[in-house]
C-alpha atoms as a PDB file:
ATOM      1  CA  MET A   1     182.731-152.463  27.326  1.00  0.00           C
ATOM      2  CA  SER A   2     181.192-155.223  29.424  1.00  0.00           C
ATOM      3  CA  ALA A   3     180.475-154.914  33.130  1.00  0.00           C
ATOM      4  CA  VAL A   4     183.136-155.823  35.661  1.00  0.00           C
ATOM      5  CA  ILE A   5     181.579-157.347  38.777  1.00  0.00           C
ATOM      6  CA  ASN A   6     183.673-158.341  41.774  1.00  0.00           C
ATOM      7  CA  LYS A   7     182.921-159.983  45.093  1.00  0.00           C
ATOM      8  CA  LEU A   8     184.693-158.690  48.165  1.00  0.00           C
ATOM      9  CA  LYS A   9     186.609-161.802  49.198  1.00  0.00           C
ATOM     10  CA  GLU A  10     190.166-161.025  50.216  1.00  0.00           C
ATOM     11  CA  ILE A  11     192.288-158.152  51.459  1.00  0.00           C
ATOM     12  CA  THR A  12     195.592-157.818  53.185  1.00  0.00           C
ATOM     13  CA  PHE A  13     195.530-155.339  56.039  1.00  0.00           C
ATOM     14  CA  SER A  14     198.545-154.437  58.089  1.00  0.00           C
ATOM     15  CA  ILE A  15     198.903-151.810  60.726  1.00  0.00           C
ATOM     16  CA  ASP A  16     202.088-150.530  62.367  1.00  0.00           C
ATOM     17  CA  SER A  17     204.021-151.980  59.383  1.00  0.00           C
ATOM     18  CA  VAL A  18     204.245-155.374  61.075  1.00  0.00           C
ATOM     19  CA  THR A  19     200.924-156.663  62.370  1.00  0.00           C
ATOM     20  CA  THR A  20     198.534-158.231  59.832  1.00  0.00           C
ATOM     21  CA  PHE A  21     194.875-158.538  60.824  1.00  0.00           C
ATOM     22  CA  ASN A  22     193.056-159.270  57.541  1.00  0.00           C
ATOM     23  CA  CYS A  23     191.665-162.609  58.791  1.00  0.00           C
ATOM     24  CA  GLN A  24     189.826-160.851  61.653  1.00  0.00           C
ATOM     25  CA  ILE A  25     188.250-158.154  59.443  1.00  0.00           C
ATOM     26  CA  LYS A  26     184.592-158.694  58.566  1.00  0.00           C
ATOM     27  CA  GLN A  27     183.873-155.347  56.896  1.00  0.00           C
ATOM     28  CA  TRP A  28     185.959-152.343  55.875  1.00  0.00           C
ATOM     29  CA  MET A  29     185.443-149.002  54.171  1.00  0.00           C
ATOM     30  CA  VAL A  30     187.748-146.117  53.293  1.00  0.00           C
ATOM     31  CA  ASN A  31     185.527-143.017  53.508  1.00  0.00           C
ATOM     32  CA  ASN A  32     186.129-139.669  51.852  1.00  0.00           C
ATOM     33  CA  ASN A  33     184.347-137.203  54.156  1.00  0.00           C
ATOM     34  CA  THR A  34     186.085-134.148  52.661  1.00  0.00           C
ATOM     35  CA  GLU A  35     183.753-131.179  52.219  1.00  0.00           C
ATOM     36  CA  ASP A  36     183.608-129.401  48.875  1.00  0.00           C
ATOM     37  CA  GLY A  37     184.833-126.109  50.317  1.00  0.00           C
ATOM     38  CA  GLU A  38     182.839-122.948  50.758  1.00  0.00           C
ATOM     39  CA  ARG A  39     181.886-121.008  47.624  1.00  0.00           C
ATOM     40  CA  GLN A  40     183.300-117.532  47.333  1.00  0.00           C
ATOM     41  CA  TYR A  41     181.965-115.074  44.754  1.00  0.00           C
ATOM     42  CA  THR A  42     183.793-112.208  43.121  1.00  0.00           C
ATOM     43  CA  PHE A  43     183.035-109.655  40.423  1.00  0.00           C
ATOM     44  CA  CYS A  44     185.470-111.439  38.100  1.00  0.00           C
ATOM     45  CA  PRO A  45     183.970-112.814  34.824  1.00  0.00           C
ATOM     46  CA  ASP A  46     184.305-116.371  36.208  1.00  0.00           C
ATOM     47  CA  GLY A  47     182.529-115.140  39.320  1.00  0.00           C
ATOM     48  CA  GLU A  48     183.064-118.111  41.617  1.00  0.00           C
ATOM     49  CA  THR A  49     185.818-119.922  43.445  1.00  0.00           C
ATOM     50  CA  ARG A  50     185.928-122.386  46.332  1.00  0.00           C
ATOM     51  CA  ASP A  51     187.977-122.418  49.497  1.00  0.00           C
ATOM     52  CA  GLU A  52     190.484-125.266  49.656  1.00  0.00           C
ATOM     53  CA  PRO A  53     188.986-127.856  52.056  1.00  0.00           C
ATOM     54  CA  ASP A  54     190.984-129.894  54.546  1.00  0.00           C
ATOM     55  CA  ASP A  55     191.258-133.616  53.776  1.00  0.00           C
ATOM     56  CA  ASP A  56     188.936-135.704  55.936  1.00  0.00           C
ATOM     57  CA  TYR A  57     189.218-139.478  55.470  1.00  0.00           C
ATOM     58  CA  THR A  58     188.353-142.345  57.791  1.00  0.00           C
ATOM     59  CA  LEU A  59     188.831-146.103  57.827  1.00  0.00           C
ATOM     60  CA  ASP A  60     185.816-148.012  59.156  1.00  0.00           C
ATOM     61  CA  LEU A  61     186.483-151.528  60.415  1.00  0.00           C
ATOM     62  CA  THR A  62     184.170-154.239  61.706  1.00  0.00           C
ATOM     63  CA  PHE A  63     186.075-157.211  63.058  1.00  0.00           C
ATOM     64  CA  PHE A  64     185.763-160.284  65.219  1.00  0.00           C
ATOM     65  CA  ALA A  65     187.171-159.532  68.663  1.00  0.00           C
ATOM     66  CA  ASP A  66     190.497-161.184  69.463  1.00  0.00           C
ATOM     67  CA  TRP A  67     191.789-160.542  72.978  1.00  0.00           C
ATOM     68  CA  LYS A  68     194.793-162.868  72.914  1.00  0.00           C
ATOM     69  CA  THR A  69     198.258-161.336  73.144  1.00  0.00           C
ATOM     70  CA  SER A  70     198.912-159.505  69.859  1.00  0.00           C
ATOM     71  CA  GLY A  71     195.250-159.910  68.843  1.00  0.00           C
ATOM     72  CA  ILE A  72     193.451-157.088  67.051  1.00  0.00           C
ATOM     73  CA  SER A  73     191.345-156.059  70.085  1.00  0.00           C
ATOM     74  CA  GLU A  74     194.336-155.925  72.400  1.00  0.00           C
ATOM     75  CA  PHE A  75     196.364-154.054  69.761  1.00  0.00           C
ATOM     76  CA  PHE A  76     193.763-151.281  69.499  1.00  0.00           C
ATOM     77  CA  TRP A  77     193.411-151.007  73.297  1.00  0.00           C
ATOM     78  CA  GLU A  78     197.168-150.977  73.933  1.00  0.00           C
ATOM     79  CA  ASN A  79     197.798-148.341  71.236  1.00  0.00           C
ATOM     80  CA  ASP A  80     194.809-146.061  71.880  1.00  0.00           C
ATOM     81  CA  GLY A  81     195.625-142.525  70.692  1.00  0.00           C
ATOM     82  CA  GLN A  82     198.815-143.504  68.837  1.00  0.00           C
ATOM     83  CA  ILE A  83     199.378-142.636  65.182  1.00  0.00           C
ATOM     84  CA  VAL A  84     200.548-145.653  63.190  1.00  0.00           C
ATOM     85  CA  ALA A  85     200.965-146.604  59.535  1.00  0.00           C
ATOM     86  CA  PHE A  86     198.441-148.800  57.723  1.00  0.00           C
ATOM     87  CA  VAL A  87     198.397-150.580  54.358  1.00  0.00           C
ATOM     88  CA  LEU A  88     195.219-152.037  52.898  1.00  0.00           C
ATOM     89  CA  ASP A  89     195.528-154.101  49.709  1.00  0.00           C
ATOM     90  CA  HIS A  90     192.255-154.637  47.854  1.00  0.00           C
ATOM     91  CA  TYR A  91     192.075-157.610  45.429  1.00  0.00           C
ATOM     92  CA  PRO A  92     195.662-158.635  46.271  1.00  0.00           C
ATOM     93  CA  ASN A  93     195.398-161.821  44.189  1.00  0.00           C
ATOM     94  CA  VAL A  94     193.889-160.201  41.083  1.00  0.00           C
ATOM     95  CA  PRO A  95     196.876-158.578  39.341  1.00  0.00           C
ATOM     96  CA  THR A  96     194.760-156.461  36.972  1.00  0.00           C
ATOM     97  CA  GLN A  97     192.691-154.968  39.822  1.00  0.00           C
ATOM     98  CA  HIS A  98     195.033-154.999  42.819  1.00  0.00           C
ATOM     99  CA  VAL A  99     194.932-151.535  44.422  1.00  0.00           C
ATOM    100  CA  ARG A 100     196.288-150.191  47.703  1.00  0.00           C
ATOM    101  CA  TRP A 101     195.536-147.464  50.210  1.00  0.00           C
ATOM    102  CA  SER A 102     198.206-146.516  52.712  1.00  0.00           C
ATOM    103  CA  GLY A 103     198.867-143.781  55.197  1.00  0.00           C
ATOM    104  CA  ASN A 104     198.639-143.091  58.901  1.00  0.00           C
ATOM    105  CA  VAL A 105     195.684-143.562  61.246  1.00  0.00           C
ATOM    106  CA  ARG A 106     195.010-142.489  64.812  1.00  0.00           C
ATOM    107  CA  ILE A 107     194.301-145.663  66.806  1.00  0.00           C
ATOM    108  CA  LYS A 108     191.150-145.791  68.882  1.00  0.00           C
ATOM    109  CA  ALA A 109     190.256-148.389  71.494  1.00  0.00           C
ATOM    110  CA  PRO A 110     187.087-150.294  70.519  1.00  0.00           C
ATOM    111  CA  SER A 111     183.897-150.487  72.530  1.00  0.00           C
ATOM    112  CA  VAL A 112     183.451-153.841  74.260  1.00  0.00           C
ATOM    113  CA  GLY A 113     180.426-156.031  74.875  1.00  0.00           C
ATOM    114  CA  GLY A 114     177.393-157.295  73.023  1.00  0.00           C
ATOM    115  CA  GLU A 115     174.407-159.583  73.040  1.00  0.00           C
ATOM    116  CA  ALA A 116     174.552-162.918  74.865  1.00  0.00           C
ATOM    117  CA  ARG A 117     175.504-165.986  72.821  1.00  0.00           C
ATOM    118  CA  THR A 118     176.622-164.047  69.746  1.00  0.00           C
ATOM    119  CA  ASN A 119     180.033-163.753  68.158  1.00  0.00           C
ATOM    120  CA  GLU A 120     181.883-160.834  69.708  1.00  0.00           C
ATOM    121  CA  GLU A 121     182.389-158.167  67.062  1.00  0.00           C
ATOM    122  CA  GLN A 122     183.816-154.682  67.346  1.00  0.00           C
ATOM    123  CA  THR A 123     183.411-151.661  65.099  1.00  0.00           C
ATOM    124  CA  LEU A 124     185.821-148.736  64.835  1.00  0.00           C
ATOM    125  CA  THR A 125     186.138-145.578  62.812  1.00  0.00           C
ATOM    126  CA  LEU A 126     189.808-144.607  62.603  1.00  0.00           C
ATOM    127  CA  ALA A 127     190.767-141.092  61.506  1.00  0.00           C
ATOM    128  CA  ILE A 128     193.199-141.159  58.589  1.00  0.00           C
ATOM    129  CA  ILE A 129     195.771-138.387  58.919  1.00  0.00           C
ATOM    130  CA  GLY A 130     195.623-136.394  55.672  1.00  0.00           C
ATOM    131  CA  LYS A 131     194.696-138.098  52.419  1.00  0.00           C
ATOM    132  CA  PRO A 132     195.566-141.801  52.060  1.00  0.00           C
ATOM    133  CA  VAL A 133     197.957-142.705  49.254  1.00  0.00           C
ATOM    134  CA  PHE A 134     196.241-144.638  46.470  1.00  0.00           C
ATOM    135  CA  THR A 135     198.427-146.979  44.420  1.00  0.00           C
ATOM    136  CA  ASN A 136     197.040-148.717  41.337  1.00  0.00           C
ATOM    137  CA  ASN A 137     197.882-152.187  40.031  1.00  0.00           C
ATOM    138  CA  ALA A 138     200.458-150.914  37.541  1.00  0.00           C
ATOM    139  CA  SER A 139     202.488-149.215  40.284  1.00  0.00           C
ATOM    140  CA  ILE A 140     202.268-151.782  43.094  1.00  0.00           C
ATOM    141  CA  GLY A 141     204.725-154.223  41.547  1.00  0.00           C
ATOM    142  CA  ALA A 142     207.002-151.474  40.195  1.00  0.00           C
END
């Protein structure tokens, strides 16, 4: 099988089921921070088992600040602490590779400020509640 190489060029990102901010997003990452679970040993022939770990996922976003009404920066500030739904479509215009992550995140207000004469950017790590739902290309259109 030959290599498949893709450039990160386009996503669709909506939060609160209505607001779409993909054009403000500069960088994104869904992180699986879930621990493996603690090993437990017994005198059974198998001898080892692991505790069931709690899911620990985050969504990291770097975006250009937008303070206008309904802009991404104002949205995060106005909804600080709220739990809202998100949908992130990766490769939305490549039918054979279009995949989606969805779930709920706890909103966090971004830090503000930066270096003089630079584009204002903000970075957030949003806690995903539970494990995000992964949907592959075959199921998205179904």
